[in-house]
């Protein structure tokens, strides 16, 4: 199972209405699975601010967090997502990675 698949499988525990995990490693460290972007839409984020939402995701991923370098998170409630329908684009990498 790839790292992307492992992240997707684990984030499924949040019962997302929409889940997208992208491997953005090609923008940083070629050949390695080190940089990811996750768009998670879940009712479980209702009433939580952005920090609490991210903490919930980090807690769900647990020890898996130590197996990659970076995770760009975009967390929304279903109502917020209905108004957006797309997460912001990732910026280009400004530097290299030692991973």
C-alpha atoms as a PDB file:
ATOM      1  CA  UNK A   1       0.000   0.000   0.000  1.00  0.00           C
ATOM      2  CA  UNK A   2       1.392   3.434  -0.914  1.00  0.00           C
ATOM      3  CA  UNK A   3       1.680   6.228   1.628  1.00  0.00           C
ATOM      4  CA  UNK A   4      -1.124   8.065  -0.175  1.00  0.00           C
ATOM      5  CA  UNK A   5      -3.385   5.022   0.177  1.00  0.00           C
ATOM      6  CA  UNK A   6      -2.477   4.646   3.844  1.00  0.00           C
ATOM      7  CA  UNK A   7      -3.365   8.300   4.501  1.00  0.00           C
ATOM      8  CA  UNK A   8      -6.662   7.950   2.606  1.00  0.00           C
ATOM      9  CA  UNK A   9      -7.574   4.779   4.465  1.00  0.00           C
ATOM     10  CA  UNK A  10      -6.825   6.295   7.865  1.00  0.00           C
ATOM     11  CA  UNK A  11      -8.671   9.552   7.150  1.00  0.00           C
ATOM     12  CA  UNK A  12     -11.701   7.445   6.261  1.00  0.00           C
ATOM     13  CA  UNK A  13     -12.181   7.120  10.025  1.00  0.00           C
ATOM     14  CA  UNK A  14     -13.426  10.735   9.983  1.00  0.00           C
ATOM     15  CA  UNK A  15     -16.371   9.583   7.843  1.00  0.00           C
ATOM     16  CA  UNK A  16     -15.715  12.243   5.204  1.00  0.00           C
ATOM     17  CA  UNK A  17     -18.344  13.219   2.672  1.00  0.00           C
ATOM     18  CA  UNK A  18     -15.450  14.176   0.412  1.00  0.00           C
ATOM     19  CA  UNK A  19     -11.830  13.077   0.713  1.00  0.00           C
ATOM     20  CA  UNK A  20      -9.001  13.826  -1.656  1.00  0.00           C
ATOM     21  CA  UNK A  21      -5.387  13.033  -0.885  1.00  0.00           C
ATOM     22  CA  UNK A  22      -2.823  14.154  -3.436  1.00  0.00           C
ATOM     23  CA  UNK A  23       0.827  13.146  -3.527  1.00  0.00           C
ATOM     24  CA  UNK A  24       2.606  16.434  -4.209  1.00  0.00           C
ATOM     25  CA  UNK A  25       6.083  15.008  -3.724  1.00  0.00           C
ATOM     26  CA  UNK A  26       6.946  15.697  -7.370  1.00  0.00           C
ATOM     27  CA  UNK A  27       6.898  19.398  -6.464  1.00  0.00           C
ATOM     28  CA  UNK A  28       9.500  18.846  -3.752  1.00  0.00           C
ATOM     29  CA  UNK A  29      11.484  15.592  -3.590  1.00  0.00           C
ATOM     30  CA  UNK A  30      11.398  13.545  -6.749  1.00  0.00           C
ATOM     31  CA  UNK A  31      11.029   9.821  -6.266  1.00  0.00           C
ATOM     32  CA  UNK A  32       9.951  10.026  -2.637  1.00  0.00           C
ATOM     33  CA  UNK A  33       6.497  10.049  -1.066  1.00  0.00           C
ATOM     34  CA  UNK A  34       7.083  12.915   1.346  1.00  0.00           C
ATOM     35  CA  UNK A  35       4.624  15.746   0.608  1.00  0.00           C
ATOM     36  CA  UNK A  36       0.843  15.406   0.563  1.00  0.00           C
ATOM     37  CA  UNK A  37      -2.253  17.565   0.350  1.00  0.00           C
ATOM     38  CA  UNK A  38      -5.532  16.447   1.904  1.00  0.00           C
ATOM     39  CA  UNK A  39      -8.982  17.905   1.392  1.00  0.00           C
ATOM     40  CA  UNK A  40     -11.300  16.529   4.064  1.00  0.00           C
ATOM     41  CA  UNK A  41     -14.998  17.388   4.253  1.00  0.00           C
ATOM     42  CA  UNK A  42     -16.624  15.994   7.373  1.00  0.00           C
ATOM     43  CA  UNK A  43     -19.561  16.769   9.621  1.00  0.00           C
ATOM     44  CA  UNK A  44     -17.156  16.039  12.494  1.00  0.00           C
ATOM     45  CA  UNK A  45     -15.585  19.474  11.875  1.00  0.00           C
ATOM     46  CA  UNK A  46     -18.832  21.295  12.709  1.00  0.00           C
ATOM     47  CA  UNK A  47     -18.218  23.846  15.475  1.00  0.00           C
ATOM     48  CA  UNK A  48     -14.430  23.414  15.381  1.00  0.00           C
ATOM     49  CA  UNK A  49     -12.024  26.159  14.377  1.00  0.00           C
ATOM     50  CA  UNK A  50      -9.244  25.451  11.874  1.00  0.00           C
ATOM     51  CA  UNK A  51      -6.680  24.566  14.558  1.00  0.00           C
ATOM     52  CA  UNK A  52      -9.033  22.075  16.242  1.00  0.00           C
ATOM     53  CA  UNK A  53      -9.884  20.532  12.856  1.00  0.00           C
ATOM     54  CA  UNK A  54      -6.221  20.053  12.046  1.00  0.00           C
ATOM     55  CA  UNK A  55      -5.588  18.588  15.494  1.00  0.00           C
ATOM     56  CA  UNK A  56      -8.419  16.126  14.866  1.00  0.00           C
ATOM     57  CA  UNK A  57      -6.803  15.065  11.578  1.00  0.00           C
ATOM     58  CA  UNK A  58      -3.352  14.768  13.184  1.00  0.00           C
ATOM     59  CA  UNK A  59      -4.820  12.704  16.006  1.00  0.00           C
ATOM     60  CA  UNK A  60      -6.547  10.425  13.525  1.00  0.00           C
ATOM     61  CA  UNK A  61      -3.332   9.906  11.551  1.00  0.00           C
ATOM     62  CA  UNK A  62      -1.391   9.246  14.761  1.00  0.00           C
ATOM     63  CA  UNK A  63       2.012   7.631  14.226  1.00  0.00           C
ATOM     64  CA  UNK A  64       1.553   7.761  10.460  1.00  0.00           C
ATOM     65  CA  UNK A  65       2.400  11.487  10.710  1.00  0.00           C
ATOM     66  CA  UNK A  66       6.025  10.566  11.387  1.00  0.00           C
ATOM     67  CA  UNK A  67       6.343   8.682   8.109  1.00  0.00           C
ATOM     68  CA  UNK A  68       6.160  11.657   5.737  1.00  0.00           C
ATOM     69  CA  UNK A  69       7.536  15.210   5.696  1.00  0.00           C
ATOM     70  CA  UNK A  70       4.573  17.509   5.002  1.00  0.00           C
ATOM     71  CA  UNK A  71       0.786  17.503   4.870  1.00  0.00           C
ATOM     72  CA  UNK A  72      -1.158  20.508   3.593  1.00  0.00           C
ATOM     73  CA  UNK A  73      -4.620  20.317   5.147  1.00  0.00           C
ATOM     74  CA  UNK A  74      -7.848  21.803   3.855  1.00  0.00           C
ATOM     75  CA  UNK A  75     -10.676  20.914   6.249  1.00  0.00           C
ATOM     76  CA  UNK A  76     -14.309  21.865   5.726  1.00  0.00           C
ATOM     77  CA  UNK A  77     -17.790  21.115   6.958  1.00  0.00           C
ATOM     78  CA  UNK A  78     -20.214  19.938   4.256  1.00  0.00           C
ATOM     79  CA  UNK A  79     -21.880  23.361   4.292  1.00  0.00           C
ATOM     80  CA  UNK A  80     -18.560  25.168   3.775  1.00  0.00           C
ATOM     81  CA  UNK A  81     -17.586  22.777   0.996  1.00  0.00           C
ATOM     82  CA  UNK A  82     -20.898  23.303  -0.806  1.00  0.00           C
ATOM     83  CA  UNK A  83     -19.980  26.976  -1.106  1.00  0.00           C
ATOM     84  CA  UNK A  84     -16.425  26.281  -2.329  1.00  0.00           C
ATOM     85  CA  UNK A  85     -16.325  23.033  -4.330  1.00  0.00           C
ATOM     86  CA  UNK A  86     -12.536  23.312  -4.654  1.00  0.00           C
ATOM     87  CA  UNK A  87      -9.588  23.657  -2.322  1.00  0.00           C
ATOM     88  CA  UNK A  88      -6.899  26.289  -2.884  1.00  0.00           C
ATOM     89  CA  UNK A  89      -4.058  25.314  -5.196  1.00  0.00           C
ATOM     90  CA  UNK A  90      -0.759  24.410  -3.585  1.00  0.00           C
ATOM     91  CA  UNK A  91       2.117  26.853  -4.002  1.00  0.00           C
ATOM     92  CA  UNK A  92       5.300  25.798  -5.722  1.00  0.00           C
ATOM     93  CA  UNK A  93       8.114  24.618  -3.503  1.00  0.00           C
ATOM     94  CA  UNK A  94      10.485  27.388  -2.438  1.00  0.00           C
ATOM     95  CA  UNK A  95      13.248  25.060  -1.329  1.00  0.00           C
ATOM     96  CA  UNK A  96      14.522  21.528  -1.339  1.00  0.00           C
ATOM     97  CA  UNK A  97      13.899  18.781   1.122  1.00  0.00           C
ATOM     98  CA  UNK A  98      16.467  16.634   2.830  1.00  0.00           C
ATOM     99  CA  UNK A  99      13.922  13.788   2.957  1.00  0.00           C
END
